[in-house]
């Protein structure tokens, strides 16, 4: 073989080796890129799992079941006696139904015309019953305490006939209304007629 032919063969072999080397380098670089991407995704997933574990642990440690809400009781008997001394028509539960709790009380004295007496009560079923009285017999007092109403028949409690009312502006609330002798007495709330009647029956 001539020196010219041998040179051309060596040159071709060198080009082939260079191409193989370039392809090998490209493969290694592609492998490193893929590995880096894989590591990045894996790190992200791992970090996310760690965060979720930490959050779950904090929720588990800090979570407390919400205690049942207990109505805050108020002492009402002293105000009831004061109100009765000032206005003979004032009525109150004597005795309070078992397990029921007075939660609000207010008496507007004679100099604060019109006179009003209020007692709010929570039943054993956590329902509300309110007593509202006034020496006002017109519709204004009823409208102020009950809003819009519709008649719902009558009920007799201890021989006394009360007017039943459905409160149109308060869902699920009713009232018993008694007007006479210059006094309006209202027993109202969301406890239902049986409990309203039970409360009306112990008013003295």
N, C-alpha and C. Protein backbone atom coordinates (compact mmCIF):
# COMPACT_ATOMS: atom_id res chain seq x y z
N UNK A 1 0.86 -1.19 0.00
CA UNK A 1 0.00 0.00 0.00
C UNK A 1 0.89 1.23 0.00
N UNK A 2 0.50 2.23 -0.78
CA UNK A 2 1.29 3.45 -0.87
C UNK A 2 1.08 4.29 0.37
N UNK A 3 2.01 5.21 0.58
CA UNK A 3 1.93 6.08 1.76
C UNK A 3 0.69 6.96 1.70
N UNK A 4 0.25 7.29 0.46
CA UNK A 4 -0.95 8.13 0.32
C UNK A 4 -2.20 7.38 0.78
N UNK A 5 -2.28 6.16 0.38
CA UNK A 5 -3.45 5.33 0.75
C UNK A 5 -3.48 5.07 2.25
N UNK A 6 -2.28 4.80 2.81
CA UNK A 6 -2.21 4.54 4.25
C UNK A 6 -2.62 5.78 5.05
N UNK A 7 -2.21 6.97 4.55
CA UNK A 7 -2.57 8.21 5.24
C UNK A 7 -4.08 8.44 5.24
N UNK A 8 -4.69 8.17 4.09
CA UNK A 8 -6.15 8.36 3.99
C UNK A 8 -6.88 7.41 4.92
N UNK A 9 -6.37 6.18 5.06
CA UNK A 9 -6.99 5.18 5.95
C UNK A 9 -6.88 5.61 7.40
N UNK A 10 -5.69 6.13 7.76
CA UNK A 10 -5.51 6.61 9.15
C UNK A 10 -6.41 7.79 9.47
N UNK A 11 -6.57 8.64 8.48
CA UNK A 11 -7.43 9.82 8.68
C UNK A 11 -8.89 9.42 8.88
N UNK A 12 -9.34 8.43 8.12
CA UNK A 12 -10.72 7.95 8.25
C UNK A 12 -10.93 7.30 9.60
N UNK A 13 -9.92 6.54 10.03
CA UNK A 13 -10.03 5.89 11.34
C UNK A 13 -10.07 6.91 12.47
N UNK A 14 -9.29 7.99 12.29
CA UNK A 14 -9.26 9.04 13.31
C UNK A 14 -10.62 9.74 13.39
N UNK A 15 -11.22 9.98 12.21
CA UNK A 15 -12.55 10.61 12.20
C UNK A 15 -13.59 9.72 12.86
N UNK A 16 -13.48 8.44 12.61
CA UNK A 16 -14.43 7.49 13.19
C UNK A 16 -14.31 7.45 14.72
N UNK A 17 -13.02 7.45 15.19
CA UNK A 17 -12.80 7.46 16.64
C UNK A 17 -13.33 8.75 17.27
N UNK A 18 -13.11 9.87 16.55
CA UNK A 18 -13.59 11.15 17.06
C UNK A 18 -15.12 11.18 17.15
N UNK A 19 -15.77 10.60 16.13
CA UNK A 19 -17.23 10.56 16.14
C UNK A 19 -17.75 9.69 17.28
N UNK A 20 -17.08 8.55 17.46
CA UNK A 20 -17.48 7.65 18.55
C UNK A 20 -17.31 8.35 19.90
N UNK A 21 -16.16 9.06 20.03
CA UNK A 21 -15.91 9.77 21.29
C UNK A 21 -16.95 10.85 21.54
N UNK A 22 -17.32 11.58 20.45
CA UNK A 22 -18.32 12.64 20.57
C UNK A 22 -19.67 12.06 20.97
N UNK A 23 -20.02 10.92 20.34
CA UNK A 23 -21.29 10.28 20.69
C UNK A 23 -21.28 9.80 22.13
N UNK A 24 -20.14 9.28 22.57
CA UNK A 24 -20.02 8.81 23.95
C UNK A 24 -20.15 9.99 24.92
N UNK A 25 -19.52 11.12 24.59
CA UNK A 25 -19.61 12.30 25.44
C UNK A 25 -21.05 12.83 25.52
N UNK A 26 -21.70 12.83 24.36
CA UNK A 26 -23.08 13.29 24.32
C UNK A 26 -23.99 12.39 25.16
N UNK A 27 -23.74 11.08 25.08
CA UNK A 27 -24.53 10.13 25.86
C UNK A 27 -24.33 10.35 27.36
N UNK A 28 -23.03 10.55 27.73
CA UNK A 28 -22.75 10.78 29.15
C UNK A 28 -23.41 12.06 29.65
N UNK A 29 -23.37 13.12 28.83
CA UNK A 29 -23.99 14.38 29.23
C UNK A 29 -25.51 14.23 29.36
N UNK A 30 -26.11 13.51 28.40
CA UNK A 30 -27.55 13.27 28.46
C UNK A 30 -27.90 12.46 29.69
N UNK A 31 -27.09 11.48 30.03
CA UNK A 31 -27.30 10.64 31.21
C UNK A 31 -27.25 11.50 32.49
N UNK A 32 -26.23 12.41 32.52
CA UNK A 32 -26.10 13.27 33.70
C UNK A 32 -27.31 14.19 33.84
N UNK A 33 -27.78 14.74 32.70
CA UNK A 33 -28.96 15.62 32.74
C UNK A 33 -30.19 14.87 33.24
N UNK A 34 -30.40 13.66 32.69
CA UNK A 34 -31.55 12.85 33.11
C UNK A 34 -31.46 12.49 34.58
N UNK A 35 -30.25 12.16 35.02
CA UNK A 35 -30.06 11.80 36.42
C UNK A 35 -30.33 13.00 37.33
N UNK A 36 -29.85 14.19 36.89
CA UNK A 36 -30.08 15.40 37.68
C UNK A 36 -31.57 15.71 37.79
N UNK A 37 -32.28 15.57 36.65
CA UNK A 37 -33.72 15.81 36.66
C UNK A 37 -34.41 14.83 37.59
N UNK A 38 -33.99 13.57 37.48
CA UNK A 38 -34.60 12.54 38.33
C UNK A 38 -34.37 12.82 39.80
N UNK A 39 -33.15 13.25 40.11
CA UNK A 39 -32.84 13.57 41.50
C UNK A 39 -33.65 14.77 41.99
N UNK A 40 -33.83 15.79 41.10
CA UNK A 40 -34.60 16.97 41.47
C UNK A 40 -36.06 16.62 41.77
N UNK A 41 -36.69 15.83 40.88
CA UNK A 41 -38.08 15.40 41.10
C UNK A 41 -38.19 14.56 42.37
N UNK A 42 -37.22 13.66 42.53
CA UNK A 42 -37.22 12.82 43.73
C UNK A 42 -37.08 13.65 44.99
N UNK A 43 -36.21 14.65 44.94
CA UNK A 43 -36.04 15.52 46.10
C UNK A 43 -37.31 16.30 46.41
N UNK A 44 -37.99 16.76 45.36
CA UNK A 44 -39.23 17.50 45.55
C UNK A 44 -40.29 16.61 46.19
N UNK A 45 -40.43 15.40 45.67
CA UNK A 45 -41.41 14.47 46.23
C UNK A 45 -41.08 14.15 47.69
N UNK A 46 -39.81 13.93 47.96
CA UNK A 46 -39.38 13.62 49.32
C UNK A 46 -39.69 14.78 50.26
N UNK A 47 -39.38 16.01 49.79
CA UNK A 47 -39.64 17.19 50.61
C UNK A 47 -41.13 17.36 50.87
N UNK A 48 -41.95 17.09 49.84
CA UNK A 48 -43.39 17.21 50.00
C UNK A 48 -43.91 16.21 51.02
N UNK A 49 -43.40 14.98 50.95
CA UNK A 49 -43.82 13.95 51.90
C UNK A 49 -43.46 14.37 53.33
N UNK A 50 -42.25 14.91 53.50
CA UNK A 50 -41.81 15.36 54.82
C UNK A 50 -42.73 16.46 55.34
N UNK A 51 -43.08 17.42 54.46
CA UNK A 51 -43.96 18.51 54.87
C UNK A 51 -45.33 17.98 55.31
N UNK A 52 -45.87 17.03 54.53
CA UNK A 52 -47.17 16.47 54.88
C UNK A 52 -47.12 15.74 56.21
N UNK A 53 -46.04 15.03 56.45
CA UNK A 53 -45.87 14.32 57.72
C UNK A 53 -45.83 15.32 58.88
N UNK A 54 -45.08 16.41 58.69
CA UNK A 54 -44.97 17.42 59.75
C UNK A 54 -46.33 18.07 60.03
N UNK A 55 -47.05 18.42 58.95
CA UNK A 55 -48.37 19.04 59.11
C UNK A 55 -49.32 18.09 59.83
N UNK A 56 -49.32 16.82 59.42
CA UNK A 56 -50.19 15.84 60.07
C UNK A 56 -49.85 15.69 61.55
N UNK A 57 -48.55 15.72 61.85
CA UNK A 57 -48.13 15.60 63.25
C UNK A 57 -48.61 16.80 64.07
N UNK A 58 -48.47 18.01 63.49
CA UNK A 58 -48.89 19.21 64.21
C UNK A 58 -50.40 19.20 64.44
N UNK A 59 -51.16 18.77 63.43
CA UNK A 59 -52.62 18.70 63.59
C UNK A 59 -52.97 17.71 64.68
N UNK A 60 -52.30 16.58 64.68
CA UNK A 60 -52.57 15.54 65.68
C UNK A 60 -52.25 16.04 67.09
N UNK A 61 -51.15 16.79 67.21
CA UNK A 61 -50.72 17.25 68.53
C UNK A 61 -51.60 18.38 69.04
N UNK A 62 -51.97 19.31 68.14
CA UNK A 62 -52.69 20.51 68.58
C UNK A 62 -54.19 20.36 68.57
N UNK A 63 -54.74 19.35 67.90
CA UNK A 63 -56.18 19.21 67.79
C UNK A 63 -56.78 18.83 69.12
N UNK A 64 -57.84 19.50 69.45
CA UNK A 64 -58.60 19.18 70.65
C UNK A 64 -60.07 19.17 70.28
N UNK A 65 -60.79 18.21 70.78
CA UNK A 65 -62.22 18.19 70.52
C UNK A 65 -62.87 19.39 71.19
N UNK A 66 -63.80 20.03 70.48
CA UNK A 66 -64.46 21.21 71.00
C UNK A 66 -65.42 20.81 72.11
N UNK A 67 -65.23 21.38 73.29
CA UNK A 67 -66.13 20.99 74.39
C UNK A 67 -67.54 21.48 74.13
N UNK A 68 -68.50 20.74 74.63
CA UNK A 68 -69.89 21.14 74.48
C UNK A 68 -70.10 22.50 75.15
N UNK A 69 -70.77 23.38 74.41
CA UNK A 69 -70.98 24.74 74.92
C UNK A 69 -71.98 24.71 76.08
N UNK A 70 -71.56 25.23 77.19
CA UNK A 70 -72.42 25.25 78.38
C UNK A 70 -72.99 26.65 78.54
N UNK A 71 -74.33 26.77 78.60
CA UNK A 71 -74.92 28.10 78.77
C UNK A 71 -74.44 28.74 80.07
N UNK A 72 -74.18 30.04 80.01
CA UNK A 72 -73.75 30.76 81.20
C UNK A 72 -74.97 31.15 82.03
N UNK A 73 -75.08 30.57 83.20
CA UNK A 73 -76.25 30.80 84.04
C UNK A 73 -76.17 32.16 84.73
N UNK A 74 -77.34 32.77 84.93
CA UNK A 74 -77.42 34.02 85.68
C UNK A 74 -78.39 33.83 86.85
N UNK A 75 -78.16 34.57 87.91
CA UNK A 75 -79.05 34.52 89.07
C UNK A 75 -80.18 35.53 88.82
N UNK A 76 -81.40 35.06 88.80
CA UNK A 76 -82.51 35.92 88.41
C UNK A 76 -83.52 36.15 89.53
N UNK A 77 -83.47 35.33 90.59
CA UNK A 77 -84.54 35.39 91.59
C UNK A 77 -84.59 36.73 92.32
N UNK A 78 -83.43 37.34 92.59
CA UNK A 78 -83.42 38.63 93.29
C UNK A 78 -84.08 39.70 92.43
N UNK A 79 -83.75 39.73 91.14
CA UNK A 79 -84.37 40.71 90.25
C UNK A 79 -85.86 40.44 90.08
N UNK A 80 -86.23 39.15 90.08
CA UNK A 80 -87.65 38.81 89.97
C UNK A 80 -88.41 39.36 91.17
N UNK A 81 -87.87 39.21 92.35
CA UNK A 81 -88.55 39.74 93.54
C UNK A 81 -88.62 41.26 93.52
N UNK A 82 -87.55 41.91 93.07
CA UNK A 82 -87.56 43.38 92.96
C UNK A 82 -88.62 43.82 91.95
N UNK A 83 -88.68 43.10 90.82
CA UNK A 83 -89.66 43.45 89.78
C UNK A 83 -91.08 43.26 90.30
N UNK A 84 -91.33 42.19 91.04
CA UNK A 84 -92.67 41.95 91.59
C UNK A 84 -93.05 43.02 92.60
N UNK A 85 -92.06 43.49 93.36
CA UNK A 85 -92.34 44.54 94.34
C UNK A 85 -92.73 45.84 93.64
N UNK A 86 -92.18 46.07 92.45
CA UNK A 86 -92.47 47.30 91.72
C UNK A 86 -93.70 47.17 90.85
N UNK A 87 -94.00 45.95 90.40
CA UNK A 87 -95.13 45.72 89.50
C UNK A 87 -95.75 44.37 89.83
N UNK A 88 -96.95 44.38 90.35
CA UNK A 88 -97.58 43.14 90.82
C UNK A 88 -97.87 42.16 89.68
N UNK A 89 -97.89 42.65 88.45
CA UNK A 89 -98.21 41.77 87.33
C UNK A 89 -97.03 40.96 86.84
N UNK A 90 -95.83 41.24 87.31
CA UNK A 90 -94.64 40.50 86.87
C UNK A 90 -94.75 39.03 87.28
N UNK A 91 -94.38 38.15 86.37
CA UNK A 91 -94.43 36.72 86.63
C UNK A 91 -93.05 36.09 86.35
N UNK A 92 -92.78 35.01 87.05
CA UNK A 92 -91.54 34.27 86.84
C UNK A 92 -91.76 32.80 87.12
N UNK A 93 -90.84 31.95 86.68
CA UNK A 93 -91.00 30.50 86.89
C UNK A 93 -90.80 30.12 88.35
N UNK A 94 -91.81 29.53 88.95
CA UNK A 94 -91.73 29.07 90.33
C UNK A 94 -92.39 27.70 90.43
N UNK A 95 -91.60 26.61 90.30
CA UNK A 95 -90.13 26.62 90.16
C UNK A 95 -89.71 26.60 88.68
N UNK A 96 -88.42 26.83 88.45
CA UNK A 96 -87.87 26.68 87.11
C UNK A 96 -87.92 25.19 86.74
N UNK A 97 -88.36 24.87 85.51
CA UNK A 97 -88.36 23.46 85.10
C UNK A 97 -86.98 22.81 85.30
N UNK A 98 -86.98 21.58 85.72
CA UNK A 98 -85.73 20.88 86.05
C UNK A 98 -84.77 20.84 84.87
N UNK A 99 -83.53 21.25 85.13
CA UNK A 99 -82.50 21.22 84.10
C UNK A 99 -82.46 22.46 83.22
N UNK A 100 -83.44 23.36 83.35
CA UNK A 100 -83.45 24.58 82.56
C UNK A 100 -82.59 25.64 83.26
N UNK A 101 -81.98 26.50 82.45
CA UNK A 101 -81.03 27.47 82.99
C UNK A 101 -81.38 28.89 82.54
N UNK A 102 -81.49 29.79 83.49
CA UNK A 102 -81.70 31.21 83.15
C UNK A 102 -80.39 31.79 82.64
N UNK A 103 -80.45 32.45 81.50
CA UNK A 103 -79.23 33.00 80.89
C UNK A 103 -79.26 34.51 80.71
N UNK A 104 -80.43 35.12 80.86
CA UNK A 104 -80.50 36.59 80.75
C UNK A 104 -81.72 37.08 81.53
N UNK A 105 -81.58 38.27 82.13
CA UNK A 105 -82.67 38.84 82.91
C UNK A 105 -82.57 40.36 82.86
N UNK A 106 -83.74 41.02 82.76
CA UNK A 106 -83.75 42.49 82.71
C UNK A 106 -85.11 43.02 83.15
N UNK A 107 -85.10 44.05 83.98
CA UNK A 107 -86.34 44.71 84.38
C UNK A 107 -86.19 46.21 84.19
N UNK A 108 -87.12 46.77 83.40
CA UNK A 108 -87.16 48.22 83.22
C UNK A 108 -88.13 48.79 84.25
N UNK A 109 -87.61 49.61 85.13
CA UNK A 109 -88.37 50.10 86.28
C UNK A 109 -89.45 51.11 85.87
N UNK A 110 -90.36 51.43 86.81
CA UNK A 110 -91.49 52.31 86.48
C UNK A 110 -91.08 53.63 85.84
N UNK A 111 -89.95 54.18 86.27
CA UNK A 111 -89.53 55.46 85.68
C UNK A 111 -89.01 55.30 84.25
N UNK A 112 -88.90 54.07 83.80
CA UNK A 112 -88.42 53.80 82.43
C UNK A 112 -89.59 53.33 81.56
N UNK A 113 -90.69 54.02 81.61
CA UNK A 113 -91.89 53.63 80.86
C UNK A 113 -91.56 53.40 79.38
N UNK A 114 -92.15 52.36 78.75
CA UNK A 114 -93.03 51.39 79.41
C UNK A 114 -92.23 50.40 80.27
N UNK A 115 -92.88 49.87 81.30
CA UNK A 115 -92.23 48.88 82.14
C UNK A 115 -92.16 47.55 81.38
N UNK A 116 -91.02 46.91 81.47
CA UNK A 116 -90.87 45.60 80.82
C UNK A 116 -90.08 44.67 81.71
N UNK A 117 -90.37 43.39 81.59
CA UNK A 117 -89.68 42.34 82.33
C UNK A 117 -89.28 41.25 81.34
N UNK A 118 -88.02 40.86 81.39
CA UNK A 118 -87.50 39.84 80.46
C UNK A 118 -86.73 38.77 81.23
N UNK A 119 -86.96 37.53 80.84
CA UNK A 119 -86.18 36.42 81.37
C UNK A 119 -85.92 35.44 80.24
N UNK A 120 -84.64 35.18 79.96
CA UNK A 120 -84.26 34.22 78.93
C UNK A 120 -83.79 32.92 79.55
N UNK A 121 -84.22 31.80 78.98
CA UNK A 121 -83.95 30.49 79.56
C UNK A 121 -83.51 29.52 78.46
N UNK A 122 -82.57 28.62 78.80
CA UNK A 122 -82.16 27.55 77.90
C UNK A 122 -82.63 26.23 78.49
N UNK A 123 -83.28 25.41 77.68
CA UNK A 123 -83.82 24.14 78.15
C UNK A 123 -82.74 23.06 78.20
N UNK A 124 -83.12 21.90 78.68
CA UNK A 124 -82.17 20.78 78.72
C UNK A 124 -81.77 20.34 77.32
N UNK A 125 -82.59 20.65 76.32
CA UNK A 125 -82.28 20.32 74.92
C UNK A 125 -81.56 21.45 74.21
N UNK A 126 -81.07 22.43 74.99
CA UNK A 126 -80.34 23.59 74.47
C UNK A 126 -81.20 24.43 73.52
N UNK A 127 -82.49 24.46 73.79
CA UNK A 127 -83.41 25.32 73.06
C UNK A 127 -83.71 26.56 73.92
N UNK A 128 -84.17 27.61 73.24
CA UNK A 128 -84.39 28.88 73.94
C UNK A 128 -85.87 29.11 74.22
N UNK A 129 -86.14 29.61 75.44
CA UNK A 129 -87.48 30.06 75.83
C UNK A 129 -87.31 31.44 76.47
N UNK A 130 -88.08 32.40 76.00
CA UNK A 130 -87.99 33.74 76.55
C UNK A 130 -89.32 34.22 77.09
N UNK A 131 -89.29 34.89 78.22
CA UNK A 131 -90.48 35.50 78.80
C UNK A 131 -90.38 37.00 78.63
N UNK A 132 -91.40 37.61 78.02
CA UNK A 132 -91.44 39.06 77.83
C UNK A 132 -92.77 39.57 78.38
N UNK A 133 -92.70 40.54 79.30
CA UNK A 133 -93.91 41.14 79.85
C UNK A 133 -93.81 42.66 79.81
N UNK A 134 -94.98 43.29 79.71
CA UNK A 134 -95.01 44.76 79.71
C UNK A 134 -96.40 45.24 80.11
N UNK A 135 -96.45 46.47 80.60
CA UNK A 135 -97.74 47.08 80.89
C UNK A 135 -98.29 47.81 79.66
N UNK A 136 -97.81 47.39 78.49
CA UNK A 136 -98.32 47.88 77.21
C UNK A 136 -99.16 46.76 76.59
N UNK A 137 -100.40 47.05 76.22
CA UNK A 137 -101.29 46.02 75.68
C UNK A 137 -101.54 46.16 74.18
N UNK A 138 -101.00 47.19 73.58
CA UNK A 138 -101.20 47.37 72.14
C UNK A 138 -100.29 46.45 71.33
N UNK A 139 -100.42 46.53 70.02
CA UNK A 139 -99.64 45.66 69.14
C UNK A 139 -98.18 46.03 69.03
N UNK A 140 -97.83 47.25 69.47
CA UNK A 140 -96.44 47.71 69.32
C UNK A 140 -95.47 46.82 70.09
N UNK A 141 -95.82 46.46 71.33
CA UNK A 141 -94.92 45.64 72.14
C UNK A 141 -94.74 44.26 71.51
N UNK A 142 -95.82 43.66 71.04
CA UNK A 142 -95.72 42.35 70.40
C UNK A 142 -94.87 42.43 69.14
N UNK A 143 -95.07 43.46 68.34
CA UNK A 143 -94.29 43.61 67.11
C UNK A 143 -92.82 43.80 67.42
N UNK A 144 -92.52 44.53 68.49
CA UNK A 144 -91.13 44.77 68.87
C UNK A 144 -90.43 43.47 69.29
N UNK A 145 -91.16 42.63 70.01
CA UNK A 145 -90.56 41.41 70.54
C UNK A 145 -90.62 40.23 69.56
N UNK A 146 -91.62 40.22 68.69
CA UNK A 146 -91.83 39.04 67.84
C UNK A 146 -91.66 39.30 66.35
N UNK A 147 -91.73 40.56 65.92
CA UNK A 147 -91.70 40.83 64.49
C UNK A 147 -93.04 40.45 63.87
N UNK A 148 -93.02 40.06 62.63
CA UNK A 148 -94.26 39.66 61.95
C UNK A 148 -94.68 38.27 62.44
N UNK A 149 -95.97 38.08 62.65
CA UNK A 149 -96.49 36.80 63.14
C UNK A 149 -97.75 36.42 62.39
N UNK A 150 -98.11 35.16 62.50
CA UNK A 150 -99.41 34.70 62.02
C UNK A 150 -100.06 33.89 63.13
N UNK A 151 -101.38 33.98 63.23
CA UNK A 151 -102.11 33.25 64.27
C UNK A 151 -102.03 31.75 63.99
N UNK A 152 -101.94 30.98 65.07
CA UNK A 152 -101.81 29.52 64.95
C UNK A 152 -102.73 28.82 65.96
N UNK A 153 -103.92 29.39 66.15
CA UNK A 153 -104.87 28.79 67.07
C UNK A 153 -104.60 29.22 68.51
N UNK A 154 -105.17 28.46 69.43
CA UNK A 154 -105.01 28.77 70.85
C UNK A 154 -104.62 27.51 71.61
N UNK A 155 -104.15 27.74 72.84
CA UNK A 155 -103.85 26.63 73.74
C UNK A 155 -104.26 27.04 75.15
N UNK A 156 -104.68 26.08 75.93
CA UNK A 156 -105.10 26.37 77.30
C UNK A 156 -104.08 25.84 78.28
N UNK A 157 -103.57 26.72 79.12
CA UNK A 157 -102.57 26.37 80.13
C UNK A 157 -103.12 26.75 81.50
N UNK A 158 -103.28 25.77 82.36
CA UNK A 158 -103.80 25.99 83.72
C UNK A 158 -105.11 26.79 83.69
N UNK A 159 -105.96 26.45 82.73
CA UNK A 159 -107.26 27.09 82.64
C UNK A 159 -107.26 28.44 81.95
N UNK A 160 -106.12 28.89 81.49
CA UNK A 160 -106.01 30.19 80.83
C UNK A 160 -105.74 29.98 79.34
N UNK A 161 -106.45 30.70 78.50
CA UNK A 161 -106.30 30.55 77.05
C UNK A 161 -105.26 31.53 76.51
N UNK A 162 -104.26 30.98 75.85
CA UNK A 162 -103.20 31.77 75.22
C UNK A 162 -103.36 31.70 73.70
N UNK A 163 -102.96 32.77 73.03
CA UNK A 163 -102.95 32.79 71.57
C UNK A 163 -101.62 32.25 71.07
N UNK A 164 -101.69 31.26 70.19
CA UNK A 164 -100.46 30.74 69.56
C UNK A 164 -100.08 31.60 68.37
N UNK A 165 -98.78 31.81 68.21
CA UNK A 165 -98.27 32.62 67.10
C UNK A 165 -97.09 31.89 66.43
N UNK A 166 -97.02 32.02 65.12
CA UNK A 166 -95.84 31.57 64.37
C UNK A 166 -95.05 32.82 63.99
N UNK A 167 -93.77 32.83 64.32
CA UNK A 167 -92.93 33.99 64.01
C UNK A 167 -92.45 33.88 62.57
N UNK A 168 -92.87 34.80 61.74
CA UNK A 168 -92.57 34.73 60.31
C UNK A 168 -91.15 35.17 59.98
N UNK A 169 -90.54 35.96 60.85
CA UNK A 169 -89.19 36.46 60.59
C UNK A 169 -88.11 35.62 61.25
N UNK A 170 -88.50 34.61 62.01
CA UNK A 170 -87.53 33.76 62.71
C UNK A 170 -87.92 32.30 62.48
N UNK A 171 -87.12 31.62 61.71
CA UNK A 171 -87.44 30.25 61.34
C UNK A 171 -87.46 29.33 62.57
N UNK A 172 -88.54 28.56 62.69
CA UNK A 172 -88.63 27.58 63.76
C UNK A 172 -89.01 28.14 65.11
N UNK A 173 -89.44 29.40 65.17
CA UNK A 173 -89.81 29.99 66.46
C UNK A 173 -91.31 30.24 66.53
N UNK A 174 -91.82 30.09 67.75
CA UNK A 174 -93.24 30.29 68.00
C UNK A 174 -93.41 31.12 69.27
N UNK A 175 -94.66 31.45 69.57
CA UNK A 175 -94.92 32.24 70.78
C UNK A 175 -96.31 31.94 71.30
N UNK A 176 -96.44 32.10 72.61
CA UNK A 176 -97.73 32.13 73.27
C UNK A 176 -97.94 33.54 73.78
N UNK A 177 -99.10 34.12 73.50
CA UNK A 177 -99.37 35.51 73.87
C UNK A 177 -100.64 35.57 74.71
N UNK A 178 -100.54 36.31 75.82
CA UNK A 178 -101.68 36.51 76.70
C UNK A 178 -101.80 38.00 76.98
N UNK A 179 -102.96 38.58 76.65
CA UNK A 179 -103.19 40.01 76.87
C UNK A 179 -104.42 40.16 77.76
N UNK A 180 -104.26 40.90 78.85
CA UNK A 180 -105.39 41.12 79.74
C UNK A 180 -104.98 41.87 81.00
N UNK A 181 -105.94 42.58 81.60
CA UNK A 181 -105.72 43.35 82.83
C UNK A 181 -104.58 44.34 82.68
N UNK A 182 -104.46 44.92 81.48
CA UNK A 182 -103.44 45.95 81.27
C UNK A 182 -102.03 45.41 81.11
N UNK A 183 -101.88 44.12 80.85
CA UNK A 183 -100.55 43.50 80.76
C UNK A 183 -100.49 42.58 79.54
N UNK A 184 -99.33 42.59 78.88
CA UNK A 184 -99.05 41.64 77.81
C UNK A 184 -97.97 40.68 78.29
N UNK A 185 -98.26 39.39 78.18
CA UNK A 185 -97.28 38.36 78.55
C UNK A 185 -97.00 37.51 77.32
N UNK A 186 -95.72 37.35 77.02
CA UNK A 186 -95.30 36.57 75.85
C UNK A 186 -94.30 35.51 76.30
N UNK A 187 -94.55 34.28 75.88
CA UNK A 187 -93.58 33.21 76.06
C UNK A 187 -93.18 32.76 74.65
N UNK A 188 -91.92 32.91 74.32
CA UNK A 188 -91.50 32.69 72.93
C UNK A 188 -90.18 31.94 72.87
N UNK A 189 -89.86 31.39 71.69
CA UNK A 189 -88.59 30.70 71.51
C UNK A 189 -88.68 29.60 70.47
N UNK A 190 -87.59 28.85 70.35
CA UNK A 190 -87.52 27.78 69.35
C UNK A 190 -87.65 26.39 69.99
N UNK A 191 -88.15 26.36 71.22
CA UNK A 191 -88.25 25.09 71.94
C UNK A 191 -89.48 24.27 71.55
N UNK A 192 -90.41 24.89 70.83
CA UNK A 192 -91.63 24.18 70.45
C UNK A 192 -92.75 24.45 71.45
N UNK A 193 -93.98 24.30 70.98
CA UNK A 193 -95.13 24.61 71.83
C UNK A 193 -95.16 23.83 73.15
N UNK A 194 -94.84 22.53 73.17
CA UNK A 194 -94.91 21.81 74.47
C UNK A 194 -94.04 22.44 75.55
N UNK A 195 -92.81 22.85 75.20
CA UNK A 195 -91.94 23.48 76.19
C UNK A 195 -92.41 24.89 76.53
N UNK A 196 -92.94 25.61 75.54
CA UNK A 196 -93.47 26.95 75.82
C UNK A 196 -94.64 26.84 76.79
N UNK A 197 -95.49 25.84 76.58
CA UNK A 197 -96.64 25.64 77.46
C UNK A 197 -96.18 25.20 78.86
N UNK A 198 -95.14 24.34 78.91
CA UNK A 198 -94.62 23.90 80.20
C UNK A 198 -94.08 25.09 80.99
N UNK A 199 -93.42 26.02 80.29
CA UNK A 199 -92.89 27.19 80.97
C UNK A 199 -94.03 28.11 81.43
N UNK A 200 -95.02 28.31 80.56
CA UNK A 200 -96.16 29.16 80.93
C UNK A 200 -96.89 28.60 82.15
N UNK A 201 -96.89 27.28 82.30
CA UNK A 201 -97.63 26.65 83.39
C UNK A 201 -96.99 26.89 84.76
N UNK A 202 -95.69 27.26 84.80
CA UNK A 202 -95.03 27.47 86.10
C UNK A 202 -94.85 28.95 86.41
N UNK A 203 -95.42 29.84 85.60
CA UNK A 203 -95.32 31.27 85.87
C UNK A 203 -96.25 31.64 87.02
N UNK A 204 -95.67 32.31 88.01
CA UNK A 204 -96.44 32.70 89.19
C UNK A 204 -96.19 34.19 89.49
